[in-house]
């Protein structure tokens, strides 16, 4: 019998925390916690997202993430400003990659 479970946290190990943080902030995620430079950057939404520097023991993560945004055009302009390029550009759906090469999809909220 299935149990009700919510995924609460996702950790990405990245080679460039600052570049990935700028990319996520351009999408609209808000940084909510950073205590020390060596600690992860935390972003909050329905799912907590952490960025940690990759190491030999914890190599760069490979994921595909999808986000629902309020204004896809405004989000695309912010991402253009941090160097994003587009592999799929439809009226309410776009695909790009973050600085680590992870595929990112954005969908306009209905």
N, C-alpha and C. Protein backbone atom coordinates (compact mmCIF):
# COMPACT_ATOMS: atom_id res chain seq x y z
N UNK A 1 0.84 -1.19 0.00
CA UNK A 1 0.00 0.00 0.00
C UNK A 1 0.89 1.25 0.00
N UNK A 2 0.67 2.17 -0.95
CA UNK A 2 1.48 3.39 -0.99
C UNK A 2 1.30 4.25 0.26
N UNK A 3 2.37 4.88 0.64
CA UNK A 3 2.36 5.79 1.78
C UNK A 3 2.50 7.20 1.24
N UNK A 4 1.80 8.16 1.85
CA UNK A 4 1.91 9.56 1.42
C UNK A 4 3.30 10.09 1.79
N UNK A 5 4.05 10.48 0.77
CA UNK A 5 5.41 10.97 0.97
C UNK A 5 5.61 12.19 0.08
N UNK A 6 6.26 13.21 0.61
CA UNK A 6 6.63 14.39 -0.18
C UNK A 6 8.15 14.47 -0.24
N UNK A 7 8.68 14.71 -1.42
CA UNK A 7 10.11 14.95 -1.57
C UNK A 7 10.39 16.36 -1.09
N UNK A 8 11.30 16.54 -0.16
CA UNK A 8 11.51 17.84 0.46
C UNK A 8 12.83 18.50 0.08
N UNK A 9 13.83 17.70 -0.30
CA UNK A 9 15.15 18.28 -0.50
C UNK A 9 15.85 17.63 -1.68
N UNK A 10 16.55 18.44 -2.44
CA UNK A 10 17.36 17.96 -3.56
C UNK A 10 18.71 18.68 -3.47
N UNK A 11 19.78 17.93 -3.51
CA UNK A 11 21.12 18.51 -3.45
C UNK A 11 21.81 18.32 -4.79
N UNK A 12 22.35 19.41 -5.33
CA UNK A 12 23.14 19.36 -6.55
C UNK A 12 24.59 19.66 -6.20
N UNK A 13 25.49 18.81 -6.67
CA UNK A 13 26.92 19.06 -6.53
C UNK A 13 27.38 19.68 -7.84
N UNK A 14 27.94 20.89 -7.76
CA UNK A 14 28.25 21.66 -8.96
C UNK A 14 29.70 22.13 -8.94
N UNK A 15 30.26 22.35 -10.12
CA UNK A 15 31.65 22.83 -10.21
C UNK A 15 31.75 24.33 -9.96
N UNK A 16 30.68 25.07 -10.25
CA UNK A 16 30.69 26.53 -10.06
C UNK A 16 29.41 26.94 -9.34
N UNK A 17 29.49 26.99 -8.01
CA UNK A 17 28.33 27.32 -7.19
C UNK A 17 27.79 28.70 -7.55
N UNK A 18 28.66 29.69 -7.72
CA UNK A 18 28.21 31.06 -8.00
C UNK A 18 27.44 31.14 -9.31
N UNK A 19 27.96 30.54 -10.38
CA UNK A 19 27.28 30.59 -11.68
C UNK A 19 25.94 29.87 -11.63
N UNK A 20 25.90 28.72 -10.96
CA UNK A 20 24.65 27.98 -10.86
C UNK A 20 23.66 28.76 -10.01
N UNK A 21 24.12 29.41 -8.95
CA UNK A 21 23.25 30.23 -8.11
C UNK A 21 22.66 31.38 -8.91
N UNK A 22 23.48 32.06 -9.72
CA UNK A 22 22.96 33.17 -10.55
C UNK A 22 21.90 32.66 -11.52
N UNK A 23 22.12 31.49 -12.10
CA UNK A 23 21.17 30.89 -13.03
C UNK A 23 19.84 30.60 -12.32
N UNK A 24 19.90 29.97 -11.15
CA UNK A 24 18.68 29.65 -10.41
C UNK A 24 17.94 30.90 -9.96
N UNK A 25 18.69 31.92 -9.56
CA UNK A 25 18.06 33.18 -9.16
C UNK A 25 17.40 33.85 -10.35
N UNK A 26 17.98 33.71 -11.55
CA UNK A 26 17.36 34.27 -12.76
C UNK A 26 16.04 33.56 -13.07
N UNK A 27 15.95 32.28 -12.74
CA UNK A 27 14.68 31.57 -12.92
C UNK A 27 13.63 32.13 -11.96
N UNK A 28 14.07 32.59 -10.80
CA UNK A 28 13.15 33.15 -9.82
C UNK A 28 13.21 32.49 -8.46
N UNK A 29 14.12 31.53 -8.30
CA UNK A 29 14.27 30.90 -6.99
C UNK A 29 14.95 31.89 -6.04
N UNK A 30 14.51 31.88 -4.80
CA UNK A 30 15.04 32.81 -3.82
C UNK A 30 16.00 32.09 -2.87
N UNK A 31 17.19 32.66 -2.71
CA UNK A 31 18.16 32.15 -1.75
C UNK A 31 17.60 32.41 -0.36
N UNK A 32 17.56 31.38 0.48
CA UNK A 32 17.04 31.65 1.81
C UNK A 32 18.02 31.36 2.94
N UNK A 33 19.15 30.76 2.64
CA UNK A 33 20.07 30.48 3.73
C UNK A 33 21.49 30.31 3.20
N UNK A 34 22.39 31.08 3.70
CA UNK A 34 23.82 30.82 3.50
C UNK A 34 24.52 31.38 4.74
N UNK A 35 25.11 30.49 5.50
CA UNK A 35 25.74 30.89 6.75
C UNK A 35 27.22 31.18 6.56
N UNK A 36 27.88 30.32 5.82
CA UNK A 36 29.32 30.46 5.58
C UNK A 36 29.59 30.08 4.14
N UNK A 37 30.65 30.60 3.54
CA UNK A 37 30.94 30.28 2.14
C UNK A 37 31.07 28.79 1.86
N UNK A 38 31.53 28.02 2.85
CA UNK A 38 31.70 26.59 2.60
C UNK A 38 30.41 25.79 2.79
N UNK A 39 29.35 26.45 3.23
CA UNK A 39 28.06 25.78 3.38
C UNK A 39 27.28 25.86 2.07
N UNK A 40 26.28 24.99 1.91
CA UNK A 40 25.53 25.02 0.65
C UNK A 40 24.66 26.26 0.55
N UNK A 41 24.28 26.57 -0.67
CA UNK A 41 23.27 27.61 -0.88
C UNK A 41 21.93 26.90 -0.91
N UNK A 42 20.97 27.43 -0.20
CA UNK A 42 19.64 26.81 -0.12
C UNK A 42 18.62 27.69 -0.84
N UNK A 43 17.79 27.05 -1.65
CA UNK A 43 16.71 27.74 -2.33
C UNK A 43 15.42 27.06 -1.93
N UNK A 44 14.38 27.85 -1.70
CA UNK A 44 13.14 27.26 -1.20
C UNK A 44 12.03 27.38 -2.20
N UNK A 45 11.21 26.41 -2.23
CA UNK A 45 9.99 26.34 -3.02
C UNK A 45 9.23 25.18 -2.42
N UNK A 46 8.49 24.46 -3.20
CA UNK A 46 7.87 23.24 -2.70
C UNK A 46 8.94 22.23 -2.32
N UNK A 47 10.09 22.35 -2.94
CA UNK A 47 11.21 21.44 -2.73
C UNK A 47 12.44 22.28 -2.39
N UNK A 48 13.09 21.97 -1.29
CA UNK A 48 14.33 22.67 -0.95
C UNK A 48 15.45 22.22 -1.88
N UNK A 49 16.18 23.15 -2.44
CA UNK A 49 17.26 22.85 -3.37
C UNK A 49 18.56 23.38 -2.78
N UNK A 50 19.56 22.52 -2.68
CA UNK A 50 20.86 22.91 -2.14
C UNK A 50 21.93 22.82 -3.22
N UNK A 51 22.86 23.75 -3.19
CA UNK A 51 24.04 23.70 -4.06
C UNK A 51 25.27 23.51 -3.20
N UNK A 52 26.02 22.46 -3.51
CA UNK A 52 27.29 22.19 -2.83
C UNK A 52 28.38 22.15 -3.88
N UNK A 53 29.59 22.56 -3.54
CA UNK A 53 30.70 22.41 -4.47
C UNK A 53 30.99 20.92 -4.71
N UNK A 54 31.20 20.55 -5.94
CA UNK A 54 31.56 19.18 -6.28
C UNK A 54 32.98 18.89 -5.80
N UNK A 55 33.22 17.64 -5.46
CA UNK A 55 34.55 17.19 -5.03
C UNK A 55 34.82 15.84 -5.71
N UNK A 56 35.99 15.30 -5.47
CA UNK A 56 36.30 13.97 -6.01
C UNK A 56 35.34 12.92 -5.45
N UNK A 57 34.97 13.06 -4.19
CA UNK A 57 34.03 12.13 -3.56
C UNK A 57 32.59 12.38 -3.97
N UNK A 58 32.28 13.62 -4.29
CA UNK A 58 30.92 14.00 -4.68
C UNK A 58 31.00 14.75 -6.00
N UNK A 59 31.04 14.01 -7.11
CA UNK A 59 31.21 14.65 -8.42
C UNK A 59 29.98 15.46 -8.83
N UNK A 60 30.15 16.23 -9.88
CA UNK A 60 29.07 17.07 -10.42
C UNK A 60 27.84 16.21 -10.69
N UNK A 61 26.69 16.70 -10.23
CA UNK A 61 25.42 16.00 -10.43
C UNK A 61 24.96 16.12 -11.88
N UNK A 62 24.21 15.14 -12.32
CA UNK A 62 23.58 15.18 -13.64
C UNK A 62 22.09 14.95 -13.45
N UNK A 63 21.30 15.99 -13.70
CA UNK A 63 19.85 15.91 -13.50
C UNK A 63 19.14 16.66 -14.61
N UNK A 64 17.85 16.46 -14.70
CA UNK A 64 16.98 17.30 -15.53
C UNK A 64 15.93 17.86 -14.59
N UNK A 65 15.76 19.18 -14.61
CA UNK A 65 14.82 19.84 -13.72
C UNK A 65 13.78 20.60 -14.54
N UNK A 66 12.57 20.65 -14.05
CA UNK A 66 11.51 21.42 -14.69
C UNK A 66 10.91 22.38 -13.68
N UNK A 67 10.66 23.61 -14.12
CA UNK A 67 10.09 24.64 -13.27
C UNK A 67 8.85 25.23 -13.93
N UNK A 68 7.85 25.56 -13.13
CA UNK A 68 6.68 26.30 -13.59
C UNK A 68 6.91 27.74 -13.16
N UNK A 69 6.82 28.68 -14.11
CA UNK A 69 7.09 30.10 -13.81
C UNK A 69 5.86 30.94 -14.13
N UNK A 70 5.75 32.08 -13.47
CA UNK A 70 4.61 32.97 -13.67
C UNK A 70 4.66 33.67 -15.02
N UNK A 71 5.83 34.15 -15.41
CA UNK A 71 5.98 34.94 -16.64
C UNK A 71 7.18 34.40 -17.41
N UNK A 72 6.92 33.55 -18.38
CA UNK A 72 8.02 32.87 -19.08
C UNK A 72 8.89 33.85 -19.86
N UNK A 73 8.29 34.90 -20.42
CA UNK A 73 9.07 35.89 -21.18
C UNK A 73 10.04 36.63 -20.28
N UNK A 74 9.57 37.06 -19.11
CA UNK A 74 10.44 37.76 -18.17
C UNK A 74 11.54 36.83 -17.65
N UNK A 75 11.19 35.58 -17.41
CA UNK A 75 12.19 34.61 -16.95
C UNK A 75 13.25 34.39 -18.02
N UNK A 76 12.84 34.29 -19.27
CA UNK A 76 13.79 34.12 -20.37
C UNK A 76 14.73 35.32 -20.48
N UNK A 77 14.21 36.52 -20.30
CA UNK A 77 15.06 37.72 -20.36
C UNK A 77 16.11 37.69 -19.24
N UNK A 78 15.70 37.29 -18.04
CA UNK A 78 16.66 37.21 -16.93
C UNK A 78 17.71 36.14 -17.21
N UNK A 79 17.29 35.01 -17.79
CA UNK A 79 18.25 33.95 -18.12
C UNK A 79 19.16 34.35 -19.27
N UNK A 80 18.63 35.10 -20.24
CA UNK A 80 19.48 35.63 -21.32
C UNK A 80 20.61 36.47 -20.73
N UNK A 81 20.30 37.24 -19.68
CA UNK A 81 21.29 38.12 -19.06
C UNK A 81 22.42 37.34 -18.37
N UNK A 82 22.17 36.07 -18.02
CA UNK A 82 23.23 35.26 -17.41
C UNK A 82 23.79 34.24 -18.40
N UNK A 83 23.49 34.43 -19.70
CA UNK A 83 24.12 33.64 -20.75
C UNK A 83 23.42 32.37 -21.17
N UNK A 84 22.14 32.21 -20.84
CA UNK A 84 21.42 30.99 -21.24
C UNK A 84 21.23 30.96 -22.75
N UNK A 85 21.18 29.75 -23.29
CA UNK A 85 20.81 29.55 -24.69
C UNK A 85 19.64 28.57 -24.71
N UNK A 86 18.90 28.59 -25.80
CA UNK A 86 17.63 27.86 -25.84
C UNK A 86 17.69 26.73 -26.87
N UNK A 87 17.24 25.53 -26.46
CA UNK A 87 17.18 24.41 -27.39
C UNK A 87 15.76 24.13 -27.85
N UNK A 88 14.79 24.69 -27.17
CA UNK A 88 13.39 24.55 -27.55
C UNK A 88 12.69 25.81 -27.07
N UNK A 89 12.04 26.51 -27.97
CA UNK A 89 11.41 27.78 -27.63
C UNK A 89 10.00 27.78 -28.20
N UNK A 90 9.03 27.38 -27.38
CA UNK A 90 7.62 27.39 -27.76
C UNK A 90 6.91 28.46 -26.93
N UNK A 91 5.68 28.83 -27.27
CA UNK A 91 5.03 29.93 -26.56
C UNK A 91 4.96 29.77 -25.04
N UNK A 92 4.68 28.59 -24.53
CA UNK A 92 4.54 28.40 -23.09
C UNK A 92 5.51 27.38 -22.50
N UNK A 93 6.54 27.01 -23.26
CA UNK A 93 7.48 25.98 -22.84
C UNK A 93 8.84 26.25 -23.48
N UNK A 94 9.89 26.26 -22.67
CA UNK A 94 11.24 26.43 -23.21
C UNK A 94 12.18 25.44 -22.53
N UNK A 95 13.28 25.15 -23.22
CA UNK A 95 14.29 24.25 -22.67
C UNK A 95 15.65 24.92 -22.82
N UNK A 96 16.45 24.80 -21.78
CA UNK A 96 17.80 25.35 -21.76
C UNK A 96 18.68 24.41 -20.93
N UNK A 97 19.88 24.83 -20.64
CA UNK A 97 20.77 24.07 -19.75
C UNK A 97 21.37 25.03 -18.74
N UNK A 98 21.60 24.53 -17.54
CA UNK A 98 22.25 25.35 -16.53
C UNK A 98 23.77 25.36 -16.79
N UNK A 99 24.54 26.13 -16.02
CA UNK A 99 25.98 26.19 -16.27
C UNK A 99 26.71 24.85 -16.16
N UNK A 100 26.10 23.86 -15.52
CA UNK A 100 26.69 22.53 -15.38
C UNK A 100 26.31 21.60 -16.52
N UNK A 101 25.40 22.06 -17.40
CA UNK A 101 24.95 21.23 -18.51
C UNK A 101 23.68 20.45 -18.24
N UNK A 102 23.08 20.64 -17.06
CA UNK A 102 21.81 19.98 -16.75
C UNK A 102 20.69 20.57 -17.58
N UNK A 103 19.83 19.72 -18.12
CA UNK A 103 18.69 20.19 -18.90
C UNK A 103 17.67 20.81 -17.96
N UNK A 104 17.18 21.98 -18.36
CA UNK A 104 16.20 22.72 -17.56
C UNK A 104 15.01 23.05 -18.46
N UNK A 105 13.80 22.72 -18.01
CA UNK A 105 12.60 23.10 -18.74
C UNK A 105 11.82 24.12 -17.91
N UNK A 106 11.25 25.07 -18.62
CA UNK A 106 10.40 26.09 -17.99
C UNK A 106 9.04 26.04 -18.66
N UNK A 107 7.99 26.04 -17.87
CA UNK A 107 6.63 26.04 -18.37
C UNK A 107 5.89 27.22 -17.77
N UNK A 108 5.13 27.92 -18.59
CA UNK A 108 4.32 29.05 -18.14
C UNK A 108 3.17 28.53 -17.27
N UNK A 109 2.99 29.12 -16.09
CA UNK A 109 1.86 28.75 -15.23
C UNK A 109 0.56 29.11 -15.94
N UNK A 110 -0.39 28.24 -15.87
CA UNK A 110 -1.70 28.48 -16.53
C UNK A 110 -2.63 29.24 -15.64
